[in-house]
């Protein structure tokens, strides 16, 4: 029996049960109200209750993913946005499930108010799902490997199985590629492609911030840093990995520092150099710390 690995964890799998069960429940409630079919309402209630139970597991797995997958500043912001929508949506459906459990058991009718609320909750569910899609498909959250694109990235530009080579491109695709190559010399290359802005291994950045905590065992520092324009990170409080070359013993809490980062092959930024700024600030206990357990 082949081993199965869940990447990055169980959340992407469990969330489909949540979406499916709640969506079907809302549609059945609407159909039961319009068609006046008590049997539809029975099925709708069971979908709602099972969906609520599945959502408990979905939320737990979601918090695990939020605190475990490697990410950068933009991905952190997208995950936080998705988390906020998810918690509101789960809470609304949870309340509706309790309402149905205590008020609708055995009922042959349903109120317009209840159906209206579950339809609104379904709208929240759709937005939450969209936000989750942004985390994965726009920011690459939890993705272990990005595809290596050749040609135009279409089906004809790569092999699809044994014995099928890249050279098996349809004739019209080959002609299109030839045309692109012929016209390449006439392009204005003053502006670089948008791909040049994508973070690549060994890309460096410089930031400035205040040290909140130092984890010498795991070689991490928690910083309240200013915006880092080179990599589009907003100002935030976060943990950063520190390379072995940096002496953590020389650092102190509430110390303002300038730090140099380098993006490794694992797509995680690590501090490679820290320069103290001769300035200390007051106790940072009152500063907001929105995600202290993650590594970038």
C-alpha atoms as a PDB file:
ATOM      1  CA  UNK A   1       0.000   0.000   0.000  1.00  0.00           C
ATOM      2  CA  UNK A   2       1.480   3.327  -1.058  1.00  0.00           C
ATOM      3  CA  UNK A   3       2.036   6.013   1.552  1.00  0.00           C
ATOM      4  CA  UNK A   4      -0.167   9.088   1.365  1.00  0.00           C
ATOM      5  CA  UNK A   5       1.185  12.486   2.355  1.00  0.00           C
ATOM      6  CA  UNK A   6      -1.231  15.296   3.188  1.00  0.00           C
ATOM      7  CA  UNK A   7       0.201  18.603   1.885  1.00  0.00           C
ATOM      8  CA  UNK A   8       0.375  20.997   3.621  1.00  0.00           C
ATOM      9  CA  UNK A   9      -2.086  19.476   6.121  1.00  0.00           C
ATOM     10  CA  UNK A  10      -5.720  18.318   6.343  1.00  0.00           C
ATOM     11  CA  UNK A  11      -7.298  21.760   5.880  1.00  0.00           C
ATOM     12  CA  UNK A  12      -7.545  21.761   2.039  1.00  0.00           C
ATOM     13  CA  UNK A  13      -9.331  18.403   2.161  1.00  0.00           C
ATOM     14  CA  UNK A  14     -11.687  19.103   5.069  1.00  0.00           C
ATOM     15  CA  UNK A  15     -12.751  22.512   3.782  1.00  0.00           C
ATOM     16  CA  UNK A  16     -14.457  20.908   0.770  1.00  0.00           C
ATOM     17  CA  UNK A  17     -16.843  19.050   3.091  1.00  0.00           C
ATOM     18  CA  UNK A  18     -17.684  22.320   4.828  1.00  0.00           C
ATOM     19  CA  UNK A  19     -18.380  24.136   1.562  1.00  0.00           C
ATOM     20  CA  UNK A  20     -20.392  21.296   0.035  1.00  0.00           C
ATOM     21  CA  UNK A  21     -22.545  20.497   3.080  1.00  0.00           C
ATOM     22  CA  UNK A  22     -23.401  24.119   3.907  1.00  0.00           C
ATOM     23  CA  UNK A  23     -24.120  24.987   0.256  1.00  0.00           C
ATOM     24  CA  UNK A  24     -26.403  21.980  -0.210  1.00  0.00           C
ATOM     25  CA  UNK A  25     -28.145  22.767   3.075  1.00  0.00           C
ATOM     26  CA  UNK A  26     -28.894  26.342   2.003  1.00  0.00           C
ATOM     27  CA  UNK A  27     -30.272  25.215  -1.369  1.00  0.00           C
ATOM     28  CA  UNK A  28     -32.448  22.543   0.245  1.00  0.00           C
ATOM     29  CA  UNK A  29     -33.814  25.015   2.792  1.00  0.00           C
ATOM     30  CA  UNK A  30     -34.727  27.380  -0.037  1.00  0.00           C
ATOM     31  CA  UNK A  31     -36.325  24.590  -2.065  1.00  0.00           C
ATOM     32  CA  UNK A  32     -38.211  23.287   0.983  1.00  0.00           C
ATOM     33  CA  UNK A  33     -39.579  26.759   1.708  1.00  0.00           C
ATOM     34  CA  UNK A  34     -40.664  27.433  -1.880  1.00  0.00           C
ATOM     35  CA  UNK A  35     -41.984  23.961  -2.687  1.00  0.00           C
ATOM     36  CA  UNK A  36     -43.349  23.333   0.820  1.00  0.00           C
ATOM     37  CA  UNK A  37     -41.677  19.924   0.982  1.00  0.00           C
ATOM     38  CA  UNK A  38     -40.989  18.814   4.596  1.00  0.00           C
ATOM     39  CA  UNK A  39     -38.658  16.039   3.423  1.00  0.00           C
ATOM     40  CA  UNK A  40     -36.336  18.602   1.852  1.00  0.00           C
ATOM     41  CA  UNK A  41     -36.147  20.441   5.167  1.00  0.00           C
ATOM     42  CA  UNK A  42     -35.167  17.245   6.979  1.00  0.00           C
ATOM     43  CA  UNK A  43     -32.269  16.674   4.589  1.00  0.00           C
ATOM     44  CA  UNK A  44     -31.329  20.361   4.808  1.00  0.00           C
ATOM     45  CA  UNK A  45     -31.094  20.176   8.603  1.00  0.00           C
ATOM     46  CA  UNK A  46     -28.874  17.098   8.522  1.00  0.00           C
ATOM     47  CA  UNK A  47     -26.550  18.703   5.987  1.00  0.00           C
ATOM     48  CA  UNK A  48     -26.335  21.762   8.221  1.00  0.00           C
ATOM     49  CA  UNK A  49     -25.581  19.761  11.359  1.00  0.00           C
ATOM     50  CA  UNK A  50     -22.994  17.505   9.717  1.00  0.00           C
ATOM     51  CA  UNK A  51     -21.460  20.533   8.054  1.00  0.00           C
ATOM     52  CA  UNK A  52     -21.133  22.259  11.426  1.00  0.00           C
ATOM     53  CA  UNK A  53     -19.296  19.250  12.858  1.00  0.00           C
ATOM     54  CA  UNK A  54     -17.005  19.076   9.818  1.00  0.00           C
ATOM     55  CA  UNK A  55     -16.293  22.793  10.170  1.00  0.00           C
ATOM     56  CA  UNK A  56     -14.897  22.308  13.664  1.00  0.00           C
ATOM     57  CA  UNK A  57     -12.226  20.049  12.169  1.00  0.00           C
ATOM     58  CA  UNK A  58     -11.757  22.424   9.232  1.00  0.00           C
ATOM     59  CA  UNK A  59     -11.091  25.384  11.522  1.00  0.00           C
ATOM     60  CA  UNK A  60      -8.645  23.394  13.679  1.00  0.00           C
ATOM     61  CA  UNK A  61      -6.729  22.282  10.584  1.00  0.00           C
ATOM     62  CA  UNK A  62      -6.874  25.848   9.275  1.00  0.00           C
ATOM     63  CA  UNK A  63      -5.173  27.215  12.378  1.00  0.00           C
ATOM     64  CA  UNK A  64      -2.541  24.500  12.024  1.00  0.00           C
ATOM     65  CA  UNK A  65      -1.867  25.561   8.425  1.00  0.00           C
ATOM     66  CA  UNK A  66      -1.840  29.254   9.388  1.00  0.00           C
ATOM     67  CA  UNK A  67       0.841  28.654  11.996  1.00  0.00           C
ATOM     68  CA  UNK A  68       2.960  26.093  10.151  1.00  0.00           C
ATOM     69  CA  UNK A  69       3.379  26.791   6.432  1.00  0.00           C
ATOM     70  CA  UNK A  70       6.340  28.932   5.350  1.00  0.00           C
ATOM     71  CA  UNK A  71       5.275  32.340   4.069  1.00  0.00           C
ATOM     72  CA  UNK A  72       6.327  35.907   3.395  1.00  0.00           C
ATOM     73  CA  UNK A  73       4.656  39.245   4.184  1.00  0.00           C
ATOM     74  CA  UNK A  74       2.059  39.352   1.356  1.00  0.00           C
ATOM     75  CA  UNK A  75       1.079  35.725   1.984  1.00  0.00           C
ATOM     76  CA  UNK A  76       0.800  36.429   5.719  1.00  0.00           C
ATOM     77  CA  UNK A  77      -1.618  39.266   5.001  1.00  0.00           C
ATOM     78  CA  UNK A  78      -3.681  37.058   2.657  1.00  0.00           C
ATOM     79  CA  UNK A  79      -3.834  34.213   5.210  1.00  0.00           C
ATOM     80  CA  UNK A  80      -4.908  36.600   7.956  1.00  0.00           C
ATOM     81  CA  UNK A  81      -7.662  38.021   5.739  1.00  0.00           C
ATOM     82  CA  UNK A  82      -8.875  34.504   4.901  1.00  0.00           C
ATOM     83  CA  UNK A  83      -8.789  33.532   8.584  1.00  0.00           C
ATOM     84  CA  UNK A  84     -10.936  36.498   9.638  1.00  0.00           C
ATOM     85  CA  UNK A  85     -13.592  35.750   7.018  1.00  0.00           C
ATOM     86  CA  UNK A  86     -13.508  32.038   7.876  1.00  0.00           C
ATOM     87  CA  UNK A  87     -14.065  32.600  11.588  1.00  0.00           C
ATOM     88  CA  UNK A  88     -17.029  34.917  10.973  1.00  0.00           C
ATOM     89  CA  UNK A  89     -18.563  32.503   8.461  1.00  0.00           C
ATOM     90  CA  UNK A  90     -18.065  29.471  10.719  1.00  0.00           C
ATOM     91  CA  UNK A  91     -19.621  31.344  13.657  1.00  0.00           C
ATOM     92  CA  UNK A  92     -22.713  32.300  11.652  1.00  0.00           C
ATOM     93  CA  UNK A  93     -23.266  28.743  10.409  1.00  0.00           C
ATOM     94  CA  UNK A  94     -22.636  27.417  13.911  1.00  0.00           C
ATOM     95  CA  UNK A  95     -25.373  29.636  15.324  1.00  0.00           C
ATOM     96  CA  UNK A  96     -27.753  28.585  12.543  1.00  0.00           C
ATOM     97  CA  UNK A  97     -27.003  24.920  13.298  1.00  0.00           C
ATOM     98  CA  UNK A  98     -27.818  25.441  16.977  1.00  0.00           C
ATOM     99  CA  UNK A  99     -30.982  27.332  16.036  1.00  0.00           C
ATOM    100  CA  UNK A 100     -32.101  24.433  13.822  1.00  0.00           C
ATOM    101  CA  UNK A 101     -31.171  21.899  16.516  1.00  0.00           C
ATOM    102  CA  UNK A 102     -33.254  23.515  19.251  1.00  0.00           C
ATOM    103  CA  UNK A 103     -36.125  24.982  17.227  1.00  0.00           C
ATOM    104  CA  UNK A 104     -36.575  22.936  14.066  1.00  0.00           C
ATOM    105  CA  UNK A 105     -36.239  19.289  15.077  1.00  0.00           C
ATOM    106  CA  UNK A 106     -39.282  17.555  13.605  1.00  0.00           C
ATOM    107  CA  UNK A 107     -40.606  20.818  12.140  1.00  0.00           C
ATOM    108  CA  UNK A 108     -42.367  20.604   8.796  1.00  0.00           C
ATOM    109  CA  UNK A 109     -41.925  24.285   7.964  1.00  0.00           C
ATOM    110  CA  UNK A 110     -39.154  26.858   8.142  1.00  0.00           C
ATOM    111  CA  UNK A 111     -39.312  30.618   8.527  1.00  0.00           C
ATOM    112  CA  UNK A 112     -38.375  33.036   5.776  1.00  0.00           C
ATOM    113  CA  UNK A 113     -35.992  34.717   8.207  1.00  0.00           C
ATOM    114  CA  UNK A 114     -34.016  31.522   8.769  1.00  0.00           C
ATOM    115  CA  UNK A 115     -33.754  30.808   5.042  1.00  0.00           C
ATOM    116  CA  UNK A 116     -32.691  34.392   4.398  1.00  0.00           C
ATOM    117  CA  UNK A 117     -29.954  34.146   7.025  1.00  0.00           C
ATOM    118  CA  UNK A 118     -28.578  30.869   5.696  1.00  0.00           C
ATOM    119  CA  UNK A 119     -28.467  32.334   2.185  1.00  0.00           C
ATOM    120  CA  UNK A 120     -26.518  35.319   3.538  1.00  0.00           C
ATOM    121  CA  UNK A 121     -24.212  32.899   5.331  1.00  0.00           C
ATOM    122  CA  UNK A 122     -23.699  31.095   2.025  1.00  0.00           C
ATOM    123  CA  UNK A 123     -22.581  34.396   0.517  1.00  0.00           C
ATOM    124  CA  UNK A 124     -20.037  34.739   3.317  1.00  0.00           C
ATOM    125  CA  UNK A 125     -18.940  31.171   2.581  1.00  0.00           C
ATOM    126  CA  UNK A 126     -18.356  32.051  -1.080  1.00  0.00           C
ATOM    127  CA  UNK A 127     -16.214  35.055  -0.164  1.00  0.00           C
ATOM    128  CA  UNK A 128     -14.246  32.974   2.333  1.00  0.00           C
ATOM    129  CA  UNK A 129     -13.626  30.339  -0.328  1.00  0.00           C
ATOM    130  CA  UNK A 130     -12.417  33.021  -2.726  1.00  0.00           C
ATOM    131  CA  UNK A 131     -10.033  34.341  -0.082  1.00  0.00           C
ATOM    132  CA  UNK A 132      -8.708  30.813   0.438  1.00  0.00           C
ATOM    133  CA  UNK A 133      -8.148  30.465  -3.286  1.00  0.00           C
ATOM    134  CA  UNK A 134      -6.138  33.695  -3.247  1.00  0.00           C
ATOM    135  CA  UNK A 135      -3.883  32.224  -0.560  1.00  0.00           C
ATOM    136  CA  UNK A 136      -3.017  29.228  -2.736  1.00  0.00           C
ATOM    137  CA  UNK A 137      -3.282  30.330  -6.350  1.00  0.00           C
ATOM    138  CA  UNK A 138      -2.096  33.931  -6.075  1.00  0.00           C
ATOM    139  CA  UNK A 139       0.414  33.655  -3.212  1.00  0.00           C
ATOM    140  CA  UNK A 140       1.416  29.966  -3.370  1.00  0.00           C
ATOM    141  CA  UNK A 141       0.488  29.165   0.226  1.00  0.00           C
ATOM    142  CA  UNK A 142       1.384  25.564   1.093  1.00  0.00           C
ATOM    143  CA  UNK A 143       2.655  24.878  -2.430  1.00  0.00           C
ATOM    144  CA  UNK A 144       5.801  22.737  -2.428  1.00  0.00           C
ATOM    145  CA  UNK A 145       6.724  23.132  -6.085  1.00  0.00           C
ATOM    146  CA  UNK A 146       6.074  25.794  -8.696  1.00  0.00           C
ATOM    147  CA  UNK A 147       5.796  24.560 -12.314  1.00  0.00           C
ATOM    148  CA  UNK A 148       8.709  25.147 -14.641  1.00  0.00           C
ATOM    149  CA  UNK A 149       7.091  26.797 -17.644  1.00  0.00           C
ATOM    150  CA  UNK A 150       8.429  26.188 -21.135  1.00  0.00           C
ATOM    151  CA  UNK A 151       7.142  27.761 -24.312  1.00  0.00           C
ATOM    152  CA  UNK A 152       3.727  29.349 -23.881  1.00  0.00           C
ATOM    153  CA  UNK A 153       2.804  27.072 -20.950  1.00  0.00           C
ATOM    154  CA  UNK A 154      -0.006  25.420 -22.920  1.00  0.00           C
ATOM    155  CA  UNK A 155      -0.652  21.706 -23.412  1.00  0.00           C
ATOM    156  CA  UNK A 156       1.482  21.627 -26.531  1.00  0.00           C
ATOM    157  CA  UNK A 157       4.578  23.005 -24.805  1.00  0.00           C
ATOM    158  CA  UNK A 158       5.383  19.985 -22.623  1.00  0.00           C
ATOM    159  CA  UNK A 159       5.229  16.188 -22.548  1.00  0.00           C
ATOM    160  CA  UNK A 160       2.123  14.510 -21.132  1.00  0.00           C
ATOM    161  CA  UNK A 161       3.297  10.949 -20.781  1.00  0.00           C
ATOM    162  CA  UNK A 162       5.825   8.309 -21.708  1.00  0.00           C
ATOM    163  CA  UNK A 163       7.125   8.654 -25.246  1.00  0.00           C
ATOM    164  CA  UNK A 164       5.652  12.125 -25.692  1.00  0.00           C
ATOM    165  CA  UNK A 165       8.271  14.825 -25.928  1.00  0.00           C
ATOM    166  CA  UNK A 166       8.210  18.601 -25.922  1.00  0.00           C
ATOM    167  CA  UNK A 167       8.976  18.489 -29.628  1.00  0.00           C
ATOM    168  CA  UNK A 168       5.510  17.021 -30.203  1.00  0.00           C
ATOM    169  CA  UNK A 169       4.012  20.504 -30.272  1.00  0.00           C
ATOM    170  CA  UNK A 170       1.262  21.044 -32.793  1.00  0.00           C
ATOM    171  CA  UNK A 171       2.417  22.771 -35.974  1.00  0.00           C
ATOM    172  CA  UNK A 172       0.470  25.955 -35.259  1.00  0.00           C
ATOM    173  CA  UNK A 173       2.095  26.249 -31.811  1.00  0.00           C
ATOM    174  CA  UNK A 174       5.542  25.890 -33.409  1.00  0.00           C
ATOM    175  CA  UNK A 175       4.663  28.596 -35.892  1.00  0.00           C
ATOM    176  CA  UNK A 176       3.480  30.870 -33.087  1.00  0.00           C
ATOM    177  CA  UNK A 177       6.738  30.356 -31.189  1.00  0.00           C
ATOM    178  CA  UNK A 178       8.747  31.022 -34.356  1.00  0.00           C
ATOM    179  CA  UNK A 179       6.799  34.224 -34.926  1.00  0.00           C
ATOM    180  CA  UNK A 180       7.473  35.330 -31.353  1.00  0.00           C
ATOM    181  CA  UNK A 181      11.200  34.712 -31.804  1.00  0.00           C
ATOM    182  CA  UNK A 182      11.301  36.622 -35.096  1.00  0.00           C
ATOM    183  CA  UNK A 183       9.617  39.643 -33.542  1.00  0.00           C
ATOM    184  CA  UNK A 184      11.654  39.583 -30.344  1.00  0.00           C
ATOM    185  CA  UNK A 185      14.395  41.829 -31.673  1.00  0.00           C
ATOM    186  CA  UNK A 186      11.908  44.605 -32.401  1.00  0.00           C
ATOM    187  CA  UNK A 187      10.662  44.902 -28.812  1.00  0.00           C
ATOM    188  CA  UNK A 188      11.569  47.729 -26.458  1.00  0.00           C
ATOM    189  CA  UNK A 189      13.296  46.105 -23.485  1.00  0.00           C
ATOM    190  CA  UNK A 190      13.588  49.235 -21.390  1.00  0.00           C
ATOM    191  CA  UNK A 191      10.930  47.974 -18.989  1.00  0.00           C
ATOM    192  CA  UNK A 192      11.573  44.572 -17.481  1.00  0.00           C
ATOM    193  CA  UNK A 193       8.903  41.884 -17.454  1.00  0.00           C
ATOM    194  CA  UNK A 194       6.678  41.578 -14.390  1.00  0.00           C
ATOM    195  CA  UNK A 195       8.405  38.262 -13.712  1.00  0.00           C
ATOM    196  CA  UNK A 196      11.513  40.190 -12.692  1.00  0.00           C
ATOM    197  CA  UNK A 197       9.655  41.356  -9.589  1.00  0.00           C
ATOM    198  CA  UNK A 198       9.035  37.808  -8.385  1.00  0.00           C
ATOM    199  CA  UNK A 199      11.209  36.797  -5.420  1.00  0.00           C
ATOM    200  CA  UNK A 200      14.012  34.503  -6.558  1.00  0.00           C
ATOM    201  CA  UNK A 201      16.493  32.525  -4.440  1.00  0.00           C
ATOM    202  CA  UNK A 202      19.274  34.632  -2.912  1.00  0.00           C
ATOM    203  CA  UNK A 203      17.341  37.882  -3.353  1.00  0.00           C
ATOM    204  CA  UNK A 204      18.332  40.269  -0.572  1.00  0.00           C
ATOM    205  CA  UNK A 205      16.454  42.976   1.305  1.00  0.00           C
ATOM    206  CA  UNK A 206      17.216  45.450   4.085  1.00  0.00           C
ATOM    207  CA  UNK A 207      14.850  46.316   6.914  1.00  0.00           C
ATOM    208  CA  UNK A 208      14.770  48.265  10.137  1.00  0.00           C
ATOM    209  CA  UNK A 209      12.897  47.453  13.305  1.00  0.00           C
ATOM    210  CA  UNK A 210      12.833  46.855  17.045  1.00  0.00           C
ATOM    211  CA  UNK A 211      13.606  43.503  18.664  1.00  0.00           C
ATOM    212  CA  UNK A 212      10.748  42.147  20.772  1.00  0.00           C
ATOM    213  CA  UNK A 213      12.127  38.716  21.624  1.00  0.00           C
ATOM    214  CA  UNK A 214      15.050  36.422  20.840  1.00  0.00           C
ATOM    215  CA  UNK A 215      14.725  32.648  20.471  1.00  0.00           C
ATOM    216  CA  UNK A 216      18.285  31.351  20.665  1.00  0.00           C
ATOM    217  CA  UNK A 217      17.263  27.689  20.493  1.00  0.00           C
ATOM    218  CA  UNK A 218      15.358  27.960  17.207  1.00  0.00           C
ATOM    219  CA  UNK A 219      17.448  30.914  15.975  1.00  0.00           C
ATOM    220  CA  UNK A 220      14.596  33.359  15.493  1.00  0.00           C
ATOM    221  CA  UNK A 221      14.063  36.983  16.423  1.00  0.00           C
ATOM    222  CA  UNK A 222      10.707  38.688  16.738  1.00  0.00           C
ATOM    223  CA  UNK A 223      10.787  42.157  15.226  1.00  0.00           C
ATOM    224  CA  UNK A 224       8.402  45.054  14.931  1.00  0.00           C
ATOM    225  CA  UNK A 225       9.756  46.206  11.567  1.00  0.00           C
ATOM    226  CA  UNK A 226       9.015  49.026   9.193  1.00  0.00           C
ATOM    227  CA  UNK A 227       7.791  48.423   5.646  1.00  0.00           C
ATOM    228  CA  UNK A 228      10.357  46.695   3.420  1.00  0.00           C
ATOM    229  CA  UNK A 229       9.760  48.129  -0.033  1.00  0.00           C
ATOM    230  CA  UNK A 230      12.127  45.818  -1.944  1.00  0.00           C
ATOM    231  CA  UNK A 231       9.944  42.773  -1.285  1.00  0.00           C
ATOM    232  CA  UNK A 232       6.584  44.513  -0.763  1.00  0.00           C
ATOM    233  CA  UNK A 233       6.329  43.664   2.931  1.00  0.00           C
ATOM    234  CA  UNK A 234       4.108  45.978   4.970  1.00  0.00           C
ATOM    235  CA  UNK A 235       5.126  47.152   8.421  1.00  0.00           C
ATOM    236  CA  UNK A 236       4.289  44.360  10.867  1.00  0.00           C
ATOM    237  CA  UNK A 237       5.373  42.340  13.891  1.00  0.00           C
ATOM    238  CA  UNK A 238       6.768  38.958  12.944  1.00  0.00           C
ATOM    239  CA  UNK A 239       9.316  36.212  13.591  1.00  0.00           C
ATOM    240  CA  UNK A 240      12.316  35.956  11.284  1.00  0.00           C
ATOM    241  CA  UNK A 241      14.804  33.118  10.980  1.00  0.00           C
ATOM    242  CA  UNK A 242      18.423  34.043  11.651  1.00  0.00           C
ATOM    243  CA  UNK A 243      21.403  32.438   9.895  1.00  0.00           C
ATOM    244  CA  UNK A 244      24.199  30.727  11.815  1.00  0.00           C
ATOM    245  CA  UNK A 245      26.572  33.577  10.977  1.00  0.00           C
ATOM    246  CA  UNK A 246      24.724  36.020  13.258  1.00  0.00           C
ATOM    247  CA  UNK A 247      25.693  36.069  16.944  1.00  0.00           C
ATOM    248  CA  UNK A 248      22.426  36.222  18.870  1.00  0.00           C
ATOM    249  CA  UNK A 249      24.291  36.756  22.146  1.00  0.00           C
ATOM    250  CA  UNK A 250      25.079  40.336  21.092  1.00  0.00           C
ATOM    251  CA  UNK A 251      21.413  41.273  20.676  1.00  0.00           C
ATOM    252  CA  UNK A 252      19.154  42.733  23.340  1.00  0.00           C
ATOM    253  CA  UNK A 253      15.435  43.339  23.736  1.00  0.00           C
ATOM    254  CA  UNK A 254      13.905  46.665  22.678  1.00  0.00           C
ATOM    255  CA  UNK A 255      17.017  47.350  20.607  1.00  0.00           C
ATOM    256  CA  UNK A 256      16.486  49.121  17.291  1.00  0.00           C
ATOM    257  CA  UNK A 257      18.411  47.406  14.517  1.00  0.00           C
ATOM    258  CA  UNK A 258      18.983  47.364  10.799  1.00  0.00           C
ATOM    259  CA  UNK A 259      18.900  43.845   9.388  1.00  0.00           C
ATOM    260  CA  UNK A 260      19.876  42.266   6.102  1.00  0.00           C
ATOM    261  CA  UNK A 261      17.877  39.326   4.719  1.00  0.00           C
ATOM    262  CA  UNK A 262      18.461  36.761   2.019  1.00  0.00           C
ATOM    263  CA  UNK A 263      15.881  34.509   0.374  1.00  0.00           C
ATOM    264  CA  UNK A 264      16.979  30.888   0.430  1.00  0.00           C
ATOM    265  CA  UNK A 265      16.125  28.067  -1.930  1.00  0.00           C
ATOM    266  CA  UNK A 266      13.342  27.057   0.455  1.00  0.00           C
ATOM    267  CA  UNK A 267      11.704  30.464  -0.216  1.00  0.00           C
ATOM    268  CA  UNK A 268      12.204  31.603   3.376  1.00  0.00           C
ATOM    269  CA  UNK A 269      13.884  34.906   4.201  1.00  0.00           C
ATOM    270  CA  UNK A 270      16.652  34.684   6.789  1.00  0.00           C
ATOM    271  CA  UNK A 271      18.551  37.440   8.515  1.00  0.00           C
ATOM    272  CA  UNK A 272      22.206  37.265   7.515  1.00  0.00           C
ATOM    273  CA  UNK A 273      23.434  40.430   9.238  1.00  0.00           C
ATOM    274  CA  UNK A 274      22.216  42.699  12.039  1.00  0.00           C
ATOM    275  CA  UNK A 275      23.561  46.162  12.791  1.00  0.00           C
ATOM    276  CA  UNK A 276      22.597  47.831  16.055  1.00  0.00           C
ATOM    277  CA  UNK A 277      21.313  51.370  15.990  1.00  0.00           C
ATOM    278  CA  UNK A 278      22.369  53.266  19.108  1.00  0.00           C
ATOM    279  CA  UNK A 279      18.882  53.665  20.369  1.00  0.00           C
ATOM    280  CA  UNK A 280      16.566  51.741  22.688  1.00  0.00           C
ATOM    281  CA  UNK A 281      12.842  52.118  23.049  1.00  0.00           C
ATOM    282  CA  UNK A 282      10.524  51.560  26.004  1.00  0.00           C
ATOM    283  CA  UNK A 283       8.960  48.299  26.977  1.00  0.00           C
ATOM    284  CA  UNK A 284       7.275  46.767  23.924  1.00  0.00           C
ATOM    285  CA  UNK A 285       4.656  44.747  25.799  1.00  0.00           C
ATOM    286  CA  UNK A 286       1.858  46.949  24.563  1.00  0.00           C
ATOM    287  CA  UNK A 287       2.781  46.624  20.923  1.00  0.00           C
ATOM    288  CA  UNK A 288       0.496  44.552  18.772  1.00  0.00           C
ATOM    289  CA  UNK A 289       1.819  41.104  17.987  1.00  0.00           C
ATOM    290  CA  UNK A 290      -0.348  39.539  15.354  1.00  0.00           C
ATOM    291  CA  UNK A 291       1.493  36.321  14.506  1.00  0.00           C
ATOM    292  CA  UNK A 292       4.396  35.389  16.734  1.00  0.00           C
ATOM    293  CA  UNK A 293       4.731  31.718  15.900  1.00  0.00           C
ATOM    294  CA  UNK A 294       5.574  31.748  12.206  1.00  0.00           C
ATOM    295  CA  UNK A 295       8.818  31.767  10.308  1.00  0.00           C
ATOM    296  CA  UNK A 296       9.523  33.715   7.166  1.00  0.00           C
END
